[in-house]
Each structure stands twice: as structure tokens, then as C-alpha cells.
């Protein structure tokens, strides 16, 4: 993922956090350039479709990989 793409994902997560301040910490879930949800910690990759992104409070980005749209992803992988 390019540095610009990473920055855009982080910006989407920051925007989501600004709109939902009750959800502090945890990870913001991002799909297609927009935040769509939150979890208190990174877990349950099988609940997300492959390609979904998660951004933690420190700005670390993770991508859901493997699996399929029906069964969900297999794992979260760090995006560098």
C-alpha cells in the first residue's frame, strides 16, 4: 500500500472517530475509503470481508486477508 493510500485510510479512521467520540481506543474499520464500524480490539477477522482495513488508535493499519465474502476473512495482517 502506498504512503498516500495509508494516509487516506488513517484520515478516514480519524474522521470516523471524530463523528463517534464515544468509541475511544480500539480499531476503526474502513472499507472503500470510509469508516464503517468500530471494535474495542482487533479480533474476529471472519466477521469482515477480505480487503477490509482496521486502524488502531496509534495509526497502525491492518488488512483482513484470505477467505471470501461469504465466510469472511481468515486473518488480520499488518500493512506496512
PDB file of N, CA and C in Angstrom:
ATOM      1  N   UNK A   1       0.855  -1.164   0.000  1.00  0.00           N
ATOM      2  CA  UNK A   1       0.000   0.000   0.000  1.00  0.00           C
ATOM      3  C   UNK A   1       0.905   1.232   0.000  1.00  0.00           C
ATOM      4  N   UNK A   2       0.591   2.169  -0.843  1.00  0.00           N
ATOM      5  CA  UNK A   2       1.425   3.373  -0.951  1.00  0.00           C
ATOM      6  C   UNK A   2       1.271   4.253   0.293  1.00  0.00           C
ATOM      7  N   UNK A   3       2.259   5.096   0.546  1.00  0.00           N
ATOM      8  CA  UNK A   3       2.157   6.016   1.681  1.00  0.00           C
ATOM      9  C   UNK A   3       0.903   6.900   1.595  1.00  0.00           C
ATOM     10  N   UNK A   4       0.547   7.332   0.391  1.00  0.00           N
ATOM     11  CA  UNK A   4      -0.650   8.174   0.232  1.00  0.00           C
ATOM     12  C   UNK A   4      -1.914   7.392   0.572  1.00  0.00           C
ATOM     13  N   UNK A   5      -1.970   6.132   0.162  1.00  0.00           N
ATOM     14  CA  UNK A   5      -3.135   5.301   0.462  1.00  0.00           C
ATOM     15  C   UNK A   5      -3.244   5.040   1.961  1.00  0.00           C
ATOM     16  N   UNK A   6      -2.110   4.783   2.614  1.00  0.00           N
ATOM     17  CA  UNK A   6      -2.117   4.604   4.065  1.00  0.00           C
ATOM     18  C   UNK A   6      -2.616   5.860   4.766  1.00  0.00           C
ATOM     19  N   UNK A   7      -2.158   7.006   4.300  1.00  0.00           N
ATOM     20  CA  UNK A   7      -2.587   8.269   4.895  1.00  0.00           C
ATOM     21  C   UNK A   7      -4.090   8.467   4.721  1.00  0.00           C
ATOM     22  N   UNK A   8      -4.625   8.094   3.564  1.00  0.00           N
ATOM     23  CA  UNK A   8      -6.067   8.229   3.318  1.00  0.00           C
ATOM     24  C   UNK A   8      -6.869   7.311   4.239  1.00  0.00           C
ATOM     25  N   UNK A   9      -6.374   6.108   4.472  1.00  0.00           N
ATOM     26  CA  UNK A   9      -7.061   5.171   5.380  1.00  0.00           C
ATOM     27  C   UNK A   9      -7.042   5.731   6.802  1.00  0.00           C
ATOM     28  N   UNK A  10      -5.896   6.232   7.213  1.00  0.00           N
ATOM     29  CA  UNK A  10      -5.807   6.826   8.552  1.00  0.00           C
ATOM     30  C   UNK A  10      -6.732   8.037   8.686  1.00  0.00           C
ATOM     31  N   UNK A  11      -6.822   8.848   7.635  1.00  0.00           N
ATOM     32  CA  UNK A  11      -7.712  10.021   7.656  1.00  0.00           C
ATOM     33  C   UNK A  11      -9.174   9.592   7.765  1.00  0.00           C
ATOM     34  N   UNK A  12      -9.556   8.518   7.074  1.00  0.00           N
ATOM     35  CA  UNK A  12     -10.929   8.006   7.164  1.00  0.00           C
ATOM     36  C   UNK A  12     -11.231   7.554   8.587  1.00  0.00           C
ATOM     37  N   UNK A  13     -10.259   6.899   9.216  1.00  0.00           N
ATOM     38  CA  UNK A  13     -10.448   6.450  10.598  1.00  0.00           C
ATOM     39  C   UNK A  13     -10.544   7.642  11.552  1.00  0.00           C
ATOM     40  N   UNK A  14      -9.715   8.646  11.342  1.00  0.00           N
ATOM     41  CA  UNK A  14      -9.760   9.854  12.178  1.00  0.00           C
ATOM     42  C   UNK A  14     -11.107  10.550  12.041  1.00  0.00           C
ATOM     43  N   UNK A  15     -11.617  10.640  10.820  1.00  0.00           N
ATOM     44  CA  UNK A  15     -12.927  11.242  10.588  1.00  0.00           C
ATOM     45  C   UNK A  15     -14.014  10.458  11.311  1.00  0.00           C
ATOM     46  N   UNK A  16     -13.967   9.138  11.237  1.00  0.00           N
ATOM     47  CA  UNK A  16     -14.959   8.296  11.907  1.00  0.00           C
ATOM     48  C   UNK A  16     -14.906   8.526  13.416  1.00  0.00           C
ATOM     49  N   UNK A  17     -13.698   8.558  13.959  1.00  0.00           N
ATOM     50  CA  UNK A  17     -13.555   8.786  15.406  1.00  0.00           C
ATOM     51  C   UNK A  17     -14.116  10.146  15.823  1.00  0.00           C
ATOM     52  N   UNK A  18     -13.943  11.148  14.974  1.00  0.00           N
ATOM     53  CA  UNK A  18     -14.476  12.486  15.293  1.00  0.00           C
ATOM     54  C   UNK A  18     -16.007  12.470  15.330  1.00  0.00           C
ATOM     55  N   UNK A  19     -16.622  11.659  14.457  1.00  0.00           N
ATOM     56  CA  UNK A  19     -18.085  11.581  14.420  1.00  0.00           C
ATOM     57  C   UNK A  19     -18.659  10.687  15.515  1.00  0.00           C
ATOM     58  N   UNK A  20     -17.851   9.779  16.047  1.00  0.00           N
ATOM     59  CA  UNK A  20     -18.302   8.835  17.076  1.00  0.00           C
ATOM     60  C   UNK A  20     -17.346   8.873  18.278  1.00  0.00           C
ATOM     61  N   UNK A  21     -17.288   9.993  18.993  1.00  0.00           N
ATOM     62  CA  UNK A  21     -16.298  10.149  20.066  1.00  0.00           C
ATOM     63  C   UNK A  21     -16.483   9.184  21.236  1.00  0.00           C
ATOM     64  N   UNK A  22     -17.632   8.577  21.366  1.00  0.00           N
ATOM     65  CA  UNK A  22     -17.862   7.626  22.453  1.00  0.00           C
ATOM     66  C   UNK A  22     -16.994   6.381  22.283  1.00  0.00           C
ATOM     67  N   UNK A  23     -16.533   6.108  21.068  1.00  0.00           N
ATOM     68  CA  UNK A  23     -15.686   4.945  20.802  1.00  0.00           C
ATOM     69  C   UNK A  23     -14.216   5.355  20.803  1.00  0.00           C
ATOM     70  N   UNK A  24     -13.608   5.307  21.981  1.00  0.00           N
ATOM     71  CA  UNK A  24     -12.188   5.656  22.065  1.00  0.00           C
ATOM     72  C   UNK A  24     -11.359   4.374  22.055  1.00  0.00           C
ATOM     73  N   UNK A  25     -10.100   4.508  21.662  1.00  0.00           N
ATOM     74  CA  UNK A  25      -9.244   3.330  21.583  1.00  0.00           C
ATOM     75  C   UNK A  25      -9.743   2.377  20.518  1.00  0.00           C
ATOM     76  N   UNK A  26      -9.453   1.109  20.684  1.00  0.00           N
ATOM     77  CA  UNK A  26      -9.926   0.098  19.752  1.00  0.00           C
ATOM     78  C   UNK A  26      -9.456   0.325  18.334  1.00  0.00           C
ATOM     79  N   UNK A  27     -10.215  -0.229  17.381  1.00  0.00           N
ATOM     80  CA  UNK A  27      -9.900  -0.080  15.963  1.00  0.00           C
ATOM     81  C   UNK A  27     -11.128   0.397  15.201  1.00  0.00           C
ATOM     82  N   UNK A  28     -10.891   1.271  14.237  1.00  0.00           N
ATOM     83  CA  UNK A  28     -11.945   1.712  13.326  1.00  0.00           C
ATOM     84  C   UNK A  28     -11.817   0.878  12.061  1.00  0.00           C
ATOM     85  N   UNK A  29     -12.931   0.350  11.586  1.00  0.00           N
ATOM     86  CA  UNK A  29     -12.961  -0.457  10.374  1.00  0.00           C
ATOM     87  C   UNK A  29     -13.221   0.443   9.177  1.00  0.00           C
ATOM     88  N   UNK A  30     -12.463   0.212   8.108  1.00  0.00           N
ATOM     89  CA  UNK A  30     -12.543   1.064   6.917  1.00  0.00           C
ATOM     90  C   UNK A  30     -12.747   0.181   5.687  1.00  0.00           C
ATOM     91  N   UNK A  31     -13.691   0.599   4.841  1.00  0.00           N
ATOM     92  CA  UNK A  31     -13.928  -0.083   3.564  1.00  0.00           C
ATOM     93  C   UNK A  31     -14.170   0.981   2.509  1.00  0.00           C
ATOM     94  N   UNK A  32     -13.532   0.836   1.383  1.00  0.00           N
ATOM     95  CA  UNK A  32     -13.745   1.740   0.248  1.00  0.00           C
ATOM     96  C   UNK A  32     -13.567   3.205   0.641  1.00  0.00           C
ATOM     97  N   UNK A  33     -12.562   3.464   1.480  1.00  0.00           N
ATOM     98  CA  UNK A  33     -12.212   4.834   1.833  1.00  0.00           C
ATOM     99  C   UNK A  33     -13.046   5.490   2.914  1.00  0.00           C
ATOM    100  N   UNK A  34     -13.934   4.724   3.565  1.00  0.00           N
ATOM    101  CA  UNK A  34     -14.786   5.310   4.607  1.00  0.00           C
ATOM    102  C   UNK A  34     -14.856   4.397   5.823  1.00  0.00           C
ATOM    103  N   UNK A  35     -14.857   5.010   6.998  1.00  0.00           N
ATOM    104  CA  UNK A  35     -15.033   4.245   8.222  1.00  0.00           C
ATOM    105  C   UNK A  35     -16.459   3.715   8.292  1.00  0.00           C
ATOM    106  N   UNK A  36     -16.602   2.464   8.736  1.00  0.00           N
ATOM    107  CA  UNK A  36     -17.948   1.887   8.822  1.00  0.00           C
ATOM    108  C   UNK A  36     -18.236   1.219  10.153  1.00  0.00           C
ATOM    109  N   UNK A  37     -17.270   1.158  11.043  1.00  0.00           N
ATOM    110  CA  UNK A  37     -17.535   0.500  12.314  1.00  0.00           C
ATOM    111  C   UNK A  37     -16.353   0.581  13.246  1.00  0.00           C
ATOM    112  N   UNK A  38     -16.529  -0.032  14.411  1.00  0.00           N
ATOM    113  CA  UNK A  38     -15.521   0.027  15.462  1.00  0.00           C
ATOM    114  C   UNK A  38     -15.555  -1.266  16.253  1.00  0.00           C
ATOM    115  N   UNK A  39     -14.393  -1.696  16.727  1.00  0.00           N
ATOM    116  CA  UNK A  39     -14.273  -2.814  17.665  1.00  0.00           C
ATOM    117  C   UNK A  39     -13.322  -2.381  18.765  1.00  0.00           C
ATOM    118  N   UNK A  40     -13.534  -2.896  19.964  1.00  0.00           N
ATOM    119  CA  UNK A  40     -12.666  -2.491  21.072  1.00  0.00           C
ATOM    120  C   UNK A  40     -11.260  -3.049  20.956  1.00  0.00           C
ATOM    121  N   UNK A  41     -11.087  -4.102  20.135  1.00  0.00           N
ATOM    122  CA  UNK A  41      -9.759  -4.638  19.844  1.00  0.00           C
ATOM    123  C   UNK A  41      -9.814  -5.369  18.505  1.00  0.00           C
ATOM    124  N   UNK A  42      -8.659  -5.637  17.956  1.00  0.00           N
ATOM    125  CA  UNK A  42      -8.576  -6.316  16.665  1.00  0.00           C
ATOM    126  C   UNK A  42      -8.858  -7.803  16.885  1.00  0.00           C
ATOM    127  N   UNK A  43      -9.981  -8.283  16.361  1.00  0.00           N
ATOM    128  CA  UNK A  43     -10.379  -9.675  16.537  1.00  0.00           C
ATOM    129  C   UNK A  43     -11.362 -10.057  15.441  1.00  0.00           C
ATOM    130  N   UNK A  44     -11.704 -11.309  15.386  1.00  0.00           N
ATOM    131  CA  UNK A  44     -12.776 -11.800  14.523  1.00  0.00           C
ATOM    132  C   UNK A  44     -12.631 -11.389  13.058  1.00  0.00           C
ATOM    133  N   UNK A  45     -11.508 -11.732  12.437  1.00  0.00           N
ATOM    134  CA  UNK A  45     -11.327 -11.421  11.013  1.00  0.00           C
ATOM    135  C   UNK A  45     -12.443 -12.048  10.184  1.00  0.00           C
ATOM    136  N   UNK A  46     -12.985 -13.164  10.654  1.00  0.00           N
ATOM    137  CA  UNK A  46     -14.043 -13.833   9.895  1.00  0.00           C
ATOM    138  C   UNK A  46     -15.353 -13.043   9.881  1.00  0.00           C
ATOM    139  N   UNK A  47     -15.450 -11.985  10.662  1.00  0.00           N
ATOM    140  CA  UNK A  47     -16.635 -11.121  10.629  1.00  0.00           C
ATOM    141  C   UNK A  47     -16.511 -10.012   9.594  1.00  0.00           C
ATOM    142  N   UNK A  48     -15.347  -9.923   8.955  1.00  0.00           N
ATOM    143  CA  UNK A  48     -15.108  -8.885   7.947  1.00  0.00           C
ATOM    144  C   UNK A  48     -14.784  -9.532   6.615  1.00  0.00           C
ATOM    145  N   UNK A  49     -15.074  -8.836   5.532  1.00  0.00           N
ATOM    146  CA  UNK A  49     -14.743  -9.375   4.219  1.00  0.00           C
ATOM    147  C   UNK A  49     -13.278  -9.119   3.905  1.00  0.00           C
ATOM    148  N   UNK A  50     -12.668  -9.979   3.102  1.00  0.00           N
ATOM    149  CA  UNK A  50     -11.275  -9.758   2.726  1.00  0.00           C
ATOM    150  C   UNK A  50     -11.104  -8.374   2.094  1.00  0.00           C
ATOM    151  N   UNK A  51     -10.032  -7.702   2.494  1.00  0.00           N
ATOM    152  CA  UNK A  51      -9.763  -6.356   1.989  1.00  0.00           C
ATOM    153  C   UNK A  51     -10.190  -5.249   2.933  1.00  0.00           C
ATOM    154  N   UNK A  52     -11.010  -5.589   3.943  1.00  0.00           N
ATOM    155  CA  UNK A  52     -11.383  -4.585   4.936  1.00  0.00           C
ATOM    156  C   UNK A  52     -10.122  -4.165   5.686  1.00  0.00           C
ATOM    157  N   UNK A  53     -10.103  -2.926   6.131  1.00  0.00           N
ATOM    158  CA  UNK A  53      -8.952  -2.387   6.851  1.00  0.00           C
ATOM    159  C   UNK A  53      -9.369  -1.997   8.259  1.00  0.00           C
ATOM    160  N   UNK A  54      -8.435  -2.058   9.180  1.00  0.00           N
ATOM    161  CA  UNK A  54      -8.666  -1.631  10.558  1.00  0.00           C
ATOM    162  C   UNK A  54      -7.518  -0.718  10.958  1.00  0.00           C
ATOM    163  N   UNK A  55      -7.844   0.370  11.638  1.00  0.00           N
ATOM    164  CA  UNK A  55      -6.837   1.340  12.078  1.00  0.00           C
ATOM    165  C   UNK A  55      -6.960   1.492  13.583  1.00  0.00           C
ATOM    166  N   UNK A  56      -5.866   1.202  14.302  1.00  0.00           N
ATOM    167  CA  UNK A  56      -5.926   1.341  15.752  1.00  0.00           C
ATOM    168  C   UNK A  56      -5.658   2.787  16.164  1.00  0.00           C
ATOM    169  N   UNK A  57      -5.749   3.050  17.461  1.00  0.00           N
ATOM    170  CA  UNK A  57      -5.611   4.415  17.974  1.00  0.00           C
ATOM    171  C   UNK A  57      -4.218   4.997  17.751  1.00  0.00           C
ATOM    172  N   UNK A  58      -3.223   4.133  17.526  1.00  0.00           N
ATOM    173  CA  UNK A  58      -1.859   4.603  17.257  1.00  0.00           C
ATOM    174  C   UNK A  58      -1.590   4.795  15.771  1.00  0.00           C
ATOM    175  N   UNK A  59      -2.597   4.535  14.915  1.00  0.00           N
ATOM    176  CA  UNK A  59      -2.426   4.712  13.475  1.00  0.00           C
ATOM    177  C   UNK A  59      -1.908   3.489  12.745  1.00  0.00           C
ATOM    178  N   UNK A  60      -1.744   2.370  13.457  1.00  0.00           N
ATOM    179  CA  UNK A  60      -1.338   1.132  12.789  1.00  0.00           C
ATOM    180  C   UNK A  60      -2.494   0.621  11.943  1.00  0.00           C
ATOM    181  N   UNK A  61      -2.175   0.116  10.746  1.00  0.00           N
ATOM    182  CA  UNK A  61      -3.204  -0.324   9.805  1.00  0.00           C
ATOM    183  C   UNK A  61      -3.071  -1.830   9.591  1.00  0.00           C
ATOM    184  N   UNK A  62      -4.212  -2.511   9.556  1.00  0.00           N
ATOM    185  CA  UNK A  62      -4.280  -3.954   9.361  1.00  0.00           C
ATOM    186  C   UNK A  62      -5.280  -4.239   8.243  1.00  0.00           C
ATOM    187  N   UNK A  63      -5.000  -5.297   7.460  1.00  0.00           N
ATOM    188  CA  UNK A  63      -5.905  -5.680   6.377  1.00  0.00           C
ATOM    189  C   UNK A  63      -6.415  -7.095   6.639  1.00  0.00           C
ATOM    190  N   UNK A  64      -7.715  -7.301   6.437  1.00  0.00           N
ATOM    191  CA  UNK A  64      -8.309  -8.631   6.530  1.00  0.00           C
ATOM    192  C   UNK A  64      -7.953  -9.379   5.247  1.00  0.00           C
ATOM    193  N   UNK A  65      -7.343 -10.553   5.386  1.00  0.00           N
ATOM    194  CA  UNK A  65      -6.893 -11.295   4.207  1.00  0.00           C
ATOM    195  C   UNK A  65      -7.353 -12.742   4.263  1.00  0.00           C
ATOM    196  N   UNK A  66      -7.366 -13.365   3.075  1.00  0.00           N
ATOM    197  CA  UNK A  66      -7.782 -14.753   2.944  1.00  0.00           C
ATOM    198  C   UNK A  66      -9.294 -14.875   3.002  1.00  0.00           C
ATOM    199  N   UNK A  67      -9.781 -16.065   2.865  1.00  0.00           N
ATOM    200  CA  UNK A  67     -11.221 -16.295   2.956  1.00  0.00           C
ATOM    201  C   UNK A  67     -11.971 -15.770   1.756  1.00  0.00           C
ATOM    202  N   UNK A  68     -13.259 -15.474   1.984  1.00  0.00           N
ATOM    203  CA  UNK A  68     -14.117 -14.967   0.917  1.00  0.00           C
ATOM    204  C   UNK A  68     -15.210 -14.091   1.509  1.00  0.00           C
ATOM    205  N   UNK A  69     -15.997 -13.470   0.628  1.00  0.00           N
ATOM    206  CA  UNK A  69     -17.033 -12.537   1.091  1.00  0.00           C
ATOM    207  C   UNK A  69     -18.105 -13.214   1.940  1.00  0.00           C
ATOM    208  N   UNK A  70     -18.417 -14.477   1.666  1.00  0.00           N
ATOM    209  CA  UNK A  70     -19.455 -15.166   2.432  1.00  0.00           C
ATOM    210  C   UNK A  70     -18.948 -15.646   3.793  1.00  0.00           C
ATOM    211  N   UNK A  71     -17.778 -16.252   3.813  1.00  0.00           N
ATOM    212  CA  UNK A  71     -17.244 -16.811   5.057  1.00  0.00           C
ATOM    213  C   UNK A  71     -16.389 -15.855   5.852  1.00  0.00           C
ATOM    214  N   UNK A  72     -16.077 -14.703   5.281  1.00  0.00           N
ATOM    215  CA  UNK A  72     -15.240 -13.728   5.958  1.00  0.00           C
ATOM    216  C   UNK A  72     -13.764 -13.998   5.745  1.00  0.00           C
ATOM    217  N   UNK A  73     -12.957 -13.094   6.233  1.00  0.00           N
ATOM    218  CA  UNK A  73     -11.502 -13.193   6.087  1.00  0.00           C
ATOM    219  C   UNK A  73     -10.951 -14.232   7.054  1.00  0.00           C
ATOM    220  N   UNK A  74      -9.714 -14.633   6.816  1.00  0.00           N
ATOM    221  CA  UNK A  74      -9.062 -15.617   7.677  1.00  0.00           C
ATOM    222  C   UNK A  74      -8.203 -14.989   8.760  1.00  0.00           C
ATOM    223  N   UNK A  75      -7.592 -13.821   8.484  1.00  0.00           N
ATOM    224  CA  UNK A  75      -6.664 -13.223   9.443  1.00  0.00           C
ATOM    225  C   UNK A  75      -6.478 -11.746   9.185  1.00  0.00           C
ATOM    226  N   UNK A  76      -6.027 -11.054  10.203  1.00  0.00           N
ATOM    227  CA  UNK A  76      -5.602  -9.659  10.074  1.00  0.00           C
ATOM    228  C   UNK A  76      -4.090  -9.642   9.845  1.00  0.00           C
ATOM    229  N   UNK A  77      -3.641  -8.851   8.889  1.00  0.00           N
ATOM    230  CA  UNK A  77      -2.229  -8.745   8.545  1.00  0.00           C
ATOM    231  C   UNK A  77      -1.821  -7.283   8.636  1.00  0.00           C
ATOM    232  N   UNK A  78      -0.666  -7.022   9.235  1.00  0.00           N
ATOM    233  CA  UNK A  78      -0.161  -5.644   9.353  1.00  0.00           C
ATOM    234  C   UNK A  78       0.146  -5.107   7.964  1.00  0.00           C
ATOM    235  N   UNK A  79      -0.286  -3.879   7.697  1.00  0.00           N
ATOM    236  CA  UNK A  79       0.011  -3.201   6.435  1.00  0.00           C
ATOM    237  C   UNK A  79       1.208  -2.293   6.690  1.00  0.00           C
ATOM    238  N   UNK A  80       2.238  -2.437   5.836  1.00  0.00           N
ATOM    239  CA  UNK A  80       3.443  -1.612   6.013  1.00  0.00           C
ATOM    240  C   UNK A  80       3.573  -0.642   4.868  1.00  0.00           C
TER     241      UNK A  80
END
